Amino acid sequence: MFGKNEDSKNRRKSQLIFIACIVILIVVYLLITRNNTYMRYSFSEDDSVFQITYEGNESSVEPVVIEIGQIISVQLVQDMDVGEYVSGEDTKNVAFGVWESSELGEYFRCGEKDVADYILVTSEDGIVAFNNESNETTAALYESFREIVEEYQSGGAAPENQENQAQ
């Protein structure tokens, strides 16, 4: 009789462990998908327009569109003071919307909050600051972006269409 009781206890313990594992997996899945927001960076087919799109949970934020021909300057800014949130999306990980700082005034920020460096684009339409994944990735994106802008504005042959994502 002792052996039968022990089997029943082991079976019950195994069932509880199995249920606990399922609950943990569900919680992890919900945490991952709940914060499933990212930005998509893309050039138009002819490289005349650069677009940054925020794709978040139930987001209604319009994409940021920069016409390459209207760009005045492109800079890589390290440890940028982002200022204060005005409107748009301001999540735990991503800022996508209008911000205001004493240095830049009102500008559009498209950035990952844990990345300190930004690509700062000044155009006839205003200022846009964006970054991607890490300071190193942002620096590489800056070099590519700057080259495409210079090539387009000089009237040369544009490099192939490029696209990048940040999660």
N, C-alpha and C. Protein backbone atom coordinates (compact mmCIF):
# COMPACT_ATOMS: atom_id res chain seq x y z
N MET A 1 0.82 -1.19 0.00
CA MET A 1 0.00 0.00 0.00
C MET A 1 0.86 1.25 0.00
N PHE A 2 2.02 1.19 0.64
CA PHE A 2 2.91 2.34 0.68
C PHE A 2 3.38 2.73 -0.72
N GLY A 3 3.68 1.77 -1.57
CA GLY A 3 4.15 2.02 -2.92
C GLY A 3 3.09 2.69 -3.79
N LYS A 4 1.83 2.30 -3.64
CA LYS A 4 0.75 2.88 -4.43
C LYS A 4 0.52 4.35 -4.07
N ASN A 5 0.60 4.66 -2.80
CA ASN A 5 0.44 6.02 -2.31
C ASN A 5 1.58 6.90 -2.82
N GLU A 6 2.80 6.33 -2.84
CA GLU A 6 3.98 7.07 -3.31
C GLU A 6 3.85 7.37 -4.80
N ASP A 7 3.36 6.43 -5.60
CA ASP A 7 3.15 6.66 -7.04
C ASP A 7 2.14 7.77 -7.27
N SER A 8 1.11 7.80 -6.49
CA SER A 8 0.08 8.82 -6.62
C SER A 8 0.65 10.20 -6.30
N LYS A 9 1.48 10.28 -5.29
CA LYS A 9 2.11 11.55 -4.91
C LYS A 9 3.07 12.02 -6.01
N ASN A 10 3.85 11.10 -6.56
CA ASN A 10 4.78 11.47 -7.64
C ASN A 10 4.04 11.94 -8.88
N ARG A 11 2.94 11.25 -9.20
CA ARG A 11 2.14 11.64 -10.36
C ARG A 11 1.55 13.03 -10.15
N ARG A 12 1.05 13.29 -8.97
CA ARG A 12 0.48 14.61 -8.65
C ARG A 12 1.56 15.70 -8.73
N LYS A 13 2.74 15.39 -8.20
CA LYS A 13 3.85 16.34 -8.23
C LYS A 13 4.24 16.62 -9.68
N SER A 14 4.31 15.62 -10.53
CA SER A 14 4.64 15.79 -11.95
C SER A 14 3.59 16.64 -12.65
N GLN A 15 2.34 16.43 -12.33
CA GLN A 15 1.26 17.23 -12.93
C GLN A 15 1.39 18.70 -12.53
N LEU A 16 1.69 18.96 -11.28
CA LEU A 16 1.85 20.34 -10.81
C LEU A 16 3.05 21.02 -11.48
N ILE A 17 4.14 20.28 -11.63
CA ILE A 17 5.32 20.84 -12.30
C ILE A 17 4.98 21.15 -13.76
N PHE A 18 4.27 20.25 -14.42
CA PHE A 18 3.88 20.46 -15.82
C PHE A 18 2.99 21.70 -15.95
N ILE A 19 2.01 21.85 -15.07
CA ILE A 19 1.11 23.01 -15.10
C ILE A 19 1.90 24.29 -14.82
N ALA A 20 2.82 24.26 -13.88
CA ALA A 20 3.64 25.44 -13.57
C ALA A 20 4.49 25.85 -14.79
N CYS A 21 5.05 24.88 -15.49
CA CYS A 21 5.84 25.18 -16.69
C CYS A 21 4.97 25.82 -17.77
N ILE A 22 3.78 25.32 -17.96
CA ILE A 22 2.86 25.88 -18.96
C ILE A 22 2.52 27.33 -18.59
N VAL A 23 2.23 27.59 -17.33
CA VAL A 23 1.90 28.94 -16.88
C VAL A 23 3.09 29.88 -17.10
N ILE A 24 4.29 29.43 -16.80
CA ILE A 24 5.49 30.25 -16.99
C ILE A 24 5.67 30.57 -18.48
N LEU A 25 5.50 29.58 -19.34
CA LEU A 25 5.62 29.82 -20.78
C LEU A 25 4.59 30.83 -21.28
N ILE A 26 3.37 30.74 -20.79
CA ILE A 26 2.33 31.68 -21.20
C ILE A 26 2.68 33.09 -20.74
N VAL A 27 3.14 33.24 -19.52
CA VAL A 27 3.51 34.56 -19.00
C VAL A 27 4.66 35.15 -19.81
N VAL A 28 5.68 34.36 -20.10
CA VAL A 28 6.81 34.84 -20.90
C VAL A 28 6.34 35.26 -22.29
N TYR A 29 5.50 34.46 -22.91
CA TYR A 29 4.96 34.79 -24.23
C TYR A 29 4.20 36.12 -24.19
N LEU A 30 3.36 36.30 -23.19
CA LEU A 30 2.59 37.55 -23.09
C LEU A 30 3.49 38.75 -22.85
N LEU A 31 4.53 38.59 -22.06
CA LEU A 31 5.46 39.69 -21.83
C LEU A 31 6.20 40.06 -23.11
N ILE A 32 6.58 39.08 -23.88
CA ILE A 32 7.30 39.35 -25.13
C ILE A 32 6.38 40.01 -26.14
N THR A 33 5.19 39.50 -26.34
CA THR A 33 4.30 40.04 -27.36
C THR A 33 3.67 41.35 -26.94
N ARG A 34 3.52 41.60 -25.66
CA ARG A 34 2.93 42.85 -25.18
C ARG A 34 3.80 44.04 -25.56
N ASN A 35 5.09 43.88 -25.51
CA ASN A 35 6.02 44.97 -25.84
C ASN A 35 6.60 44.81 -27.24
N ASN A 36 5.84 44.19 -28.13
CA ASN A 36 6.32 43.94 -29.47
C ASN A 36 6.16 45.19 -30.34
N THR A 37 7.01 46.16 -30.09
CA THR A 37 7.00 47.40 -30.86
C THR A 37 8.35 47.55 -31.53
N TYR A 38 8.35 48.12 -32.69
CA TYR A 38 9.61 48.38 -33.37
C TYR A 38 9.42 49.46 -34.41
N MET A 39 10.55 49.93 -34.90
CA MET A 39 10.54 50.95 -35.94
C MET A 39 11.13 50.33 -37.21
N ARG A 40 10.59 50.73 -38.33
CA ARG A 40 11.10 50.27 -39.62
C ARG A 40 11.62 51.49 -40.36
N TYR A 41 12.86 51.37 -40.84
CA TYR A 41 13.50 52.43 -41.61
C TYR A 41 13.58 51.98 -43.05
N SER A 42 13.16 52.82 -43.99
CA SER A 42 13.24 52.42 -45.39
C SER A 42 13.36 53.62 -46.31
N PHE A 43 14.03 53.39 -47.44
CA PHE A 43 14.13 54.38 -48.50
C PHE A 43 13.13 54.02 -49.57
N SER A 44 12.63 55.04 -50.27
CA SER A 44 11.78 54.77 -51.42
C SER A 44 12.62 54.12 -52.51
N GLU A 45 11.97 53.60 -53.51
CA GLU A 45 12.68 52.88 -54.57
C GLU A 45 13.75 53.75 -55.24
N ASP A 46 13.48 55.03 -55.41
CA ASP A 46 14.46 55.91 -56.05
C ASP A 46 15.32 56.68 -55.05
N ASP A 47 15.25 56.32 -53.77
CA ASP A 47 16.03 56.93 -52.69
C ASP A 47 15.72 58.41 -52.47
N SER A 48 14.58 58.88 -52.95
CA SER A 48 14.24 60.30 -52.78
C SER A 48 13.56 60.57 -51.45
N VAL A 49 13.06 59.52 -50.81
CA VAL A 49 12.33 59.67 -49.55
C VAL A 49 12.82 58.61 -48.57
N PHE A 50 13.03 59.05 -47.33
CA PHE A 50 13.37 58.14 -46.22
C PHE A 50 12.18 58.15 -45.28
N GLN A 51 11.74 56.97 -44.88
CA GLN A 51 10.56 56.88 -44.03
C GLN A 51 10.85 56.05 -42.79
N ILE A 52 10.35 56.53 -41.66
CA ILE A 52 10.46 55.80 -40.40
C ILE A 52 9.04 55.51 -39.94
N THR A 53 8.74 54.23 -39.77
CA THR A 53 7.41 53.81 -39.37
C THR A 53 7.47 53.15 -38.01
N TYR A 54 6.57 53.54 -37.14
CA TYR A 54 6.45 52.92 -35.82
C TYR A 54 5.38 51.86 -35.90
N GLU A 55 5.73 50.65 -35.53
CA GLU A 55 4.76 49.56 -35.54
C GLU A 55 4.66 49.02 -34.13
N GLY A 56 3.60 49.44 -33.46
CA GLY A 56 3.40 49.02 -32.09
C GLY A 56 2.02 48.49 -31.88
N ASN A 57 1.75 48.11 -30.67
CA ASN A 57 0.44 47.58 -30.32
C ASN A 57 -0.61 48.67 -30.43
N GLU A 58 -1.51 48.51 -31.40
CA GLU A 58 -2.62 49.43 -31.60
C GLU A 58 -2.16 50.88 -31.77
N SER A 59 -1.05 51.09 -32.44
CA SER A 59 -0.51 52.43 -32.63
C SER A 59 -1.18 53.13 -33.81
N SER A 60 -1.40 54.42 -33.65
CA SER A 60 -1.98 55.22 -34.72
C SER A 60 -1.06 56.38 -35.10
N VAL A 61 0.23 56.25 -34.83
CA VAL A 61 1.19 57.30 -35.12
C VAL A 61 1.54 57.26 -36.61
N GLU A 62 1.48 58.41 -37.24
CA GLU A 62 1.82 58.51 -38.66
C GLU A 62 3.32 58.34 -38.85
N PRO A 63 3.73 57.75 -39.97
CA PRO A 63 5.17 57.62 -40.25
C PRO A 63 5.84 58.98 -40.41
N VAL A 64 7.14 59.01 -40.15
CA VAL A 64 7.94 60.20 -40.38
C VAL A 64 8.52 60.08 -41.78
N VAL A 65 8.32 61.10 -42.59
CA VAL A 65 8.79 61.09 -43.98
C VAL A 65 9.78 62.24 -44.16
N ILE A 66 10.97 61.90 -44.64
CA ILE A 66 12.01 62.90 -44.88
C ILE A 66 12.33 62.87 -46.38
N GLU A 67 12.12 63.99 -47.04
CA GLU A 67 12.50 64.09 -48.45
C GLU A 67 13.98 64.39 -48.52
N ILE A 68 14.72 63.50 -49.16
CA ILE A 68 16.19 63.60 -49.19
C ILE A 68 16.65 64.91 -49.81
N GLY A 69 15.95 65.40 -50.82
CA GLY A 69 16.33 66.65 -51.46
C GLY A 69 16.19 67.86 -50.57
N GLN A 70 15.45 67.75 -49.47
CA GLN A 70 15.24 68.88 -48.56
C GLN A 70 16.15 68.84 -47.33
N ILE A 71 17.03 67.85 -47.25
CA ILE A 71 17.91 67.72 -46.09
C ILE A 71 18.99 68.80 -46.14
N ILE A 72 19.15 69.49 -45.02
CA ILE A 72 20.16 70.54 -44.87
C ILE A 72 21.44 69.97 -44.26
N SER A 73 21.28 69.11 -43.23
CA SER A 73 22.46 68.50 -42.59
C SER A 73 22.10 67.16 -41.96
N VAL A 74 23.14 66.32 -41.82
CA VAL A 74 23.04 65.02 -41.16
C VAL A 74 24.21 64.92 -40.21
N GLN A 75 23.93 64.64 -38.94
CA GLN A 75 24.98 64.55 -37.92
C GLN A 75 24.78 63.31 -37.07
N LEU A 76 25.86 62.77 -36.54
CA LEU A 76 25.79 61.73 -35.53
C LEU A 76 26.04 62.41 -34.19
N VAL A 77 25.06 62.38 -33.32
CA VAL A 77 25.14 63.06 -32.03
C VAL A 77 25.25 62.01 -30.94
N GLN A 78 26.31 62.10 -30.14
CA GLN A 78 26.51 61.14 -29.06
C GLN A 78 25.97 61.69 -27.76
N ASP A 79 25.32 60.81 -27.01
CA ASP A 79 24.74 61.16 -25.70
C ASP A 79 23.84 62.39 -25.78
N MET A 80 22.92 62.37 -26.71
CA MET A 80 22.03 63.51 -26.95
C MET A 80 21.05 63.71 -25.79
N ASP A 81 20.87 64.96 -25.40
CA ASP A 81 19.85 65.31 -24.42
C ASP A 81 18.52 65.36 -25.17
N VAL A 82 17.64 64.40 -24.90
CA VAL A 82 16.41 64.27 -25.69
C VAL A 82 15.34 65.27 -25.30
N GLY A 83 15.41 65.85 -24.13
CA GLY A 83 14.42 66.82 -23.70
C GLY A 83 13.16 66.16 -23.16
N GLU A 84 12.00 66.79 -23.41
CA GLU A 84 10.74 66.36 -22.82
C GLU A 84 9.75 65.88 -23.88
N TYR A 85 9.00 64.87 -23.52
CA TYR A 85 7.96 64.30 -24.38
C TYR A 85 6.82 65.31 -24.57
N VAL A 86 6.33 65.44 -25.81
CA VAL A 86 5.21 66.32 -26.12
C VAL A 86 4.01 65.49 -26.57
N SER A 87 4.19 64.65 -27.61
CA SER A 87 3.09 63.82 -28.10
C SER A 87 3.62 62.65 -28.91
N GLY A 88 2.77 61.67 -29.17
CA GLY A 88 3.15 60.49 -29.94
C GLY A 88 3.12 59.26 -29.08
N GLU A 89 4.09 58.37 -29.29
CA GLU A 89 4.22 57.14 -28.51
C GLU A 89 5.45 57.25 -27.63
N ASP A 90 5.26 56.99 -26.35
CA ASP A 90 6.36 57.01 -25.40
C ASP A 90 6.23 55.75 -24.55
N THR A 91 6.83 54.65 -25.03
CA THR A 91 6.72 53.37 -24.34
C THR A 91 7.94 53.15 -23.46
N LYS A 92 7.97 52.02 -22.83
CA LYS A 92 9.10 51.67 -21.98
C LYS A 92 10.41 51.63 -22.76
N ASN A 93 10.36 51.14 -24.02
CA ASN A 93 11.57 50.93 -24.80
C ASN A 93 11.78 51.91 -25.95
N VAL A 94 10.68 52.49 -26.46
CA VAL A 94 10.75 53.27 -27.69
C VAL A 94 10.08 54.63 -27.52
N ALA A 95 10.70 55.66 -28.10
CA ALA A 95 10.10 56.99 -28.17
C ALA A 95 9.87 57.30 -29.64
N PHE A 96 8.63 57.62 -29.99
CA PHE A 96 8.31 57.93 -31.38
C PHE A 96 7.26 59.02 -31.38
N GLY A 97 7.71 60.25 -31.59
CA GLY A 97 6.78 61.36 -31.58
C GLY A 97 7.50 62.68 -31.42
N VAL A 98 6.74 63.67 -31.04
CA VAL A 98 7.27 65.03 -30.90
C VAL A 98 7.85 65.19 -29.50
N TRP A 99 9.06 65.72 -29.46
CA TRP A 99 9.76 66.02 -28.22
C TRP A 99 10.26 67.46 -28.30
N GLU A 100 10.63 68.01 -27.16
CA GLU A 100 11.15 69.37 -27.15
C GLU A 100 12.35 69.44 -26.20
N SER A 101 13.42 70.07 -26.71
CA SER A 101 14.61 70.25 -25.88
C SER A 101 15.08 71.69 -26.04
N SER A 102 15.84 72.16 -25.06
CA SER A 102 16.36 73.53 -25.13
C SER A 102 17.34 73.68 -26.28
N GLU A 103 18.04 72.61 -26.63
CA GLU A 103 19.03 72.66 -27.70
C GLU A 103 18.40 72.61 -29.09
N LEU A 104 17.39 71.76 -29.28
CA LEU A 104 16.82 71.54 -30.61
C LEU A 104 15.47 72.22 -30.83
N GLY A 105 14.82 72.64 -29.76
CA GLY A 105 13.45 73.12 -29.88
C GLY A 105 12.54 71.92 -30.07
N GLU A 106 11.46 72.08 -30.82
CA GLU A 106 10.54 70.97 -31.07
C GLU A 106 11.07 70.15 -32.24
N TYR A 107 11.14 68.84 -32.04
CA TYR A 107 11.67 67.94 -33.06
C TYR A 107 10.96 66.60 -32.98
N PHE A 108 11.17 65.76 -33.98
CA PHE A 108 10.57 64.44 -33.99
C PHE A 108 11.63 63.43 -33.58
N ARG A 109 11.32 62.62 -32.56
CA ARG A 109 12.26 61.62 -32.04
C ARG A 109 11.75 60.23 -32.37
N CYS A 110 12.60 59.44 -33.00
CA CYS A 110 12.30 58.05 -33.32
C CYS A 110 13.45 57.24 -32.76
N GLY A 111 13.34 56.83 -31.50
CA GLY A 111 14.51 56.22 -30.91
C GLY A 111 14.23 55.16 -29.88
N GLU A 112 15.23 54.30 -29.76
CA GLU A 112 15.23 53.31 -28.70
C GLU A 112 15.81 53.98 -27.46
N LYS A 113 15.10 53.87 -26.37
CA LYS A 113 15.48 54.62 -25.17
C LYS A 113 16.80 54.17 -24.56
N ASP A 114 17.21 52.93 -24.78
CA ASP A 114 18.46 52.48 -24.18
C ASP A 114 19.67 52.75 -25.08
N VAL A 115 19.48 53.49 -26.17
CA VAL A 115 20.58 53.88 -27.06
C VAL A 115 20.77 55.39 -26.92
N ALA A 116 21.99 55.81 -26.56
CA ALA A 116 22.24 57.23 -26.27
C ALA A 116 22.51 58.06 -27.52
N ASP A 117 23.03 57.44 -28.58
CA ASP A 117 23.41 58.18 -29.77
C ASP A 117 22.25 58.27 -30.77
N TYR A 118 22.22 59.38 -31.52
CA TYR A 118 21.16 59.62 -32.50
C TYR A 118 21.74 60.16 -33.79
N ILE A 119 21.05 59.87 -34.87
CA ILE A 119 21.32 60.51 -36.16
C ILE A 119 20.38 61.70 -36.21
N LEU A 120 20.93 62.87 -36.36
CA LEU A 120 20.15 64.11 -36.33
C LEU A 120 20.07 64.65 -37.76
N VAL A 121 18.84 64.69 -38.29
CA VAL A 121 18.62 65.14 -39.66
C VAL A 121 17.86 66.47 -39.59
N THR A 122 18.47 67.51 -40.13
CA THR A 122 17.83 68.81 -40.23
C THR A 122 17.42 69.00 -41.68
N SER A 123 16.13 69.27 -41.89
CA SER A 123 15.63 69.49 -43.25
C SER A 123 14.77 70.74 -43.26
N GLU A 124 14.29 71.09 -44.43
CA GLU A 124 13.40 72.24 -44.56
C GLU A 124 12.12 72.05 -43.76
N ASP A 125 11.75 70.80 -43.49
CA ASP A 125 10.53 70.49 -42.74
C ASP A 125 10.73 70.43 -41.23
N GLY A 126 11.97 70.45 -40.75
CA GLY A 126 12.22 70.38 -39.32
C GLY A 126 13.36 69.43 -38.99
N ILE A 127 13.38 68.98 -37.75
CA ILE A 127 14.46 68.13 -37.26
C ILE A 127 13.89 66.77 -36.87
N VAL A 128 14.62 65.71 -37.28
CA VAL A 128 14.27 64.35 -36.91
C VAL A 128 15.52 63.71 -36.30
N ALA A 129 15.35 63.08 -35.14
CA ALA A 129 16.43 62.35 -34.49
C ALA A 129 16.02 60.89 -34.41
N PHE A 130 16.88 59.99 -34.90
CA PHE A 130 16.56 58.57 -34.83
C PHE A 130 17.81 57.76 -34.55
N ASN A 131 17.61 56.56 -34.01
CA ASN A 131 18.71 55.64 -33.75
C ASN A 131 18.25 54.22 -34.03
N ASN A 132 19.13 53.25 -33.75
CA ASN A 132 18.79 51.87 -34.06
C ASN A 132 19.62 50.90 -33.22
N GLU A 133 18.99 50.08 -32.43
CA GLU A 133 19.53 48.94 -31.69
C GLU A 133 20.64 49.22 -30.69
N SER A 134 21.72 49.89 -31.13
CA SER A 134 22.86 50.15 -30.26
C SER A 134 23.60 51.38 -30.80
N ASN A 135 24.54 51.88 -30.02
CA ASN A 135 25.34 53.01 -30.50
C ASN A 135 26.16 52.62 -31.73
N GLU A 136 26.67 51.38 -31.74
CA GLU A 136 27.46 50.91 -32.88
C GLU A 136 26.60 50.78 -34.14
N THR A 137 25.41 50.22 -34.01
CA THR A 137 24.51 50.07 -35.14
C THR A 137 24.05 51.43 -35.64
N THR A 138 23.82 52.35 -34.72
CA THR A 138 23.42 53.71 -35.10
C THR A 138 24.54 54.39 -35.89
N ALA A 139 25.80 54.20 -35.47
CA ALA A 139 26.93 54.78 -36.18
C ALA A 139 27.04 54.20 -37.59
N ALA A 140 26.82 52.90 -37.74
CA ALA A 140 26.87 52.27 -39.07
C ALA A 140 25.72 52.76 -39.94
N LEU A 141 24.53 52.89 -39.35
CA LEU A 141 23.38 53.41 -40.08
C LEU A 141 23.64 54.85 -40.50
N TYR A 142 24.26 55.64 -39.65
CA TYR A 142 24.61 57.03 -39.97
C TYR A 142 25.49 57.09 -41.22
N GLU A 143 26.53 56.26 -41.26
CA GLU A 143 27.45 56.27 -42.41
C GLU A 143 26.69 55.93 -43.70
N SER A 144 25.86 54.91 -43.65
CA SER A 144 25.08 54.52 -44.84
C SER A 144 24.10 55.62 -45.23
N PHE A 145 23.41 56.16 -44.25
CA PHE A 145 22.42 57.21 -44.52
C PHE A 145 23.10 58.44 -45.13
N ARG A 146 24.21 58.85 -44.54
CA ARG A 146 24.95 60.02 -45.02
C ARG A 146 25.41 59.81 -46.46
N GLU A 147 25.93 58.62 -46.78
CA GLU A 147 26.38 58.32 -48.13
C GLU A 147 25.22 58.39 -49.13
N ILE A 148 24.09 57.85 -48.77
CA ILE A 148 22.93 57.88 -49.66
C ILE A 148 22.46 59.31 -49.89
N VAL A 149 22.42 60.10 -48.82
CA VAL A 149 22.00 61.51 -48.94
C VAL A 149 22.98 62.26 -49.85
N GLU A 150 24.27 62.11 -49.61
CA GLU A 150 25.27 62.81 -50.43
C GLU A 150 25.17 62.39 -51.89
N GLU A 151 25.03 61.10 -52.13
CA GLU A 151 24.93 60.59 -53.50
C GLU A 151 23.68 61.12 -54.19
N TYR A 152 22.56 61.11 -53.47
CA TYR A 152 21.30 61.58 -54.06
C TYR A 152 21.36 63.08 -54.36
N GLN A 153 21.86 63.83 -53.39
CA GLN A 153 21.88 65.28 -53.55
C GLN A 153 22.90 65.74 -54.59
N SER A 154 23.93 64.93 -54.86
CA SER A 154 24.90 65.29 -55.88
C SER A 154 24.45 64.86 -57.28
N GLY A 155 23.31 64.16 -57.33
CA GLY A 155 22.77 63.75 -58.62
C GLY A 155 23.39 62.50 -59.17
N GLY A 156 24.22 61.81 -58.38
CA GLY A 156 24.88 60.59 -58.83
C GLY A 156 23.94 59.40 -58.78
N ALA A 157 24.48 58.29 -59.15
CA ALA A 157 23.71 57.05 -59.11
C ALA A 157 23.51 56.66 -57.66
N ALA A 158 22.28 56.40 -57.30
CA ALA A 158 21.96 56.07 -55.92
C ALA A 158 22.33 54.62 -55.62
N PRO A 159 22.84 54.34 -54.42
CA PRO A 159 23.11 52.96 -54.02
C PRO A 159 21.80 52.18 -53.99
N GLU A 160 21.92 50.87 -53.92
CA GLU A 160 20.72 50.03 -53.90
C GLU A 160 19.84 50.39 -52.72
N ASN A 161 18.55 50.15 -52.88
CA ASN A 161 17.55 50.40 -51.85
C ASN A 161 17.93 49.67 -50.56
N GLN A 162 17.86 50.36 -49.42
CA GLN A 162 18.22 49.75 -48.15
C GLN A 162 17.05 49.83 -47.18
N GLU A 163 16.96 48.83 -46.32
CA GLU A 163 15.92 48.82 -45.29
C GLU A 163 16.51 48.27 -44.02
N ASN A 164 16.05 48.80 -42.87
CA ASN A 164 16.57 48.35 -41.59
C ASN A 164 15.43 48.32 -40.58
N GLN A 165 15.49 47.40 -39.55
CA GLN A 165 14.49 47.29 -38.49
C GLN A 165 15.16 47.34 -37.14
N ALA A 166 14.41 47.96 -36.13
CA ALA A 166 14.80 47.91 -34.75
C ALA A 166 13.70 47.34 -33.94
N GLN A 167 14.12 46.45 -33.08
CA GLN A 167 13.09 45.86 -32.24
C GLN A 167 13.29 46.26 -30.82
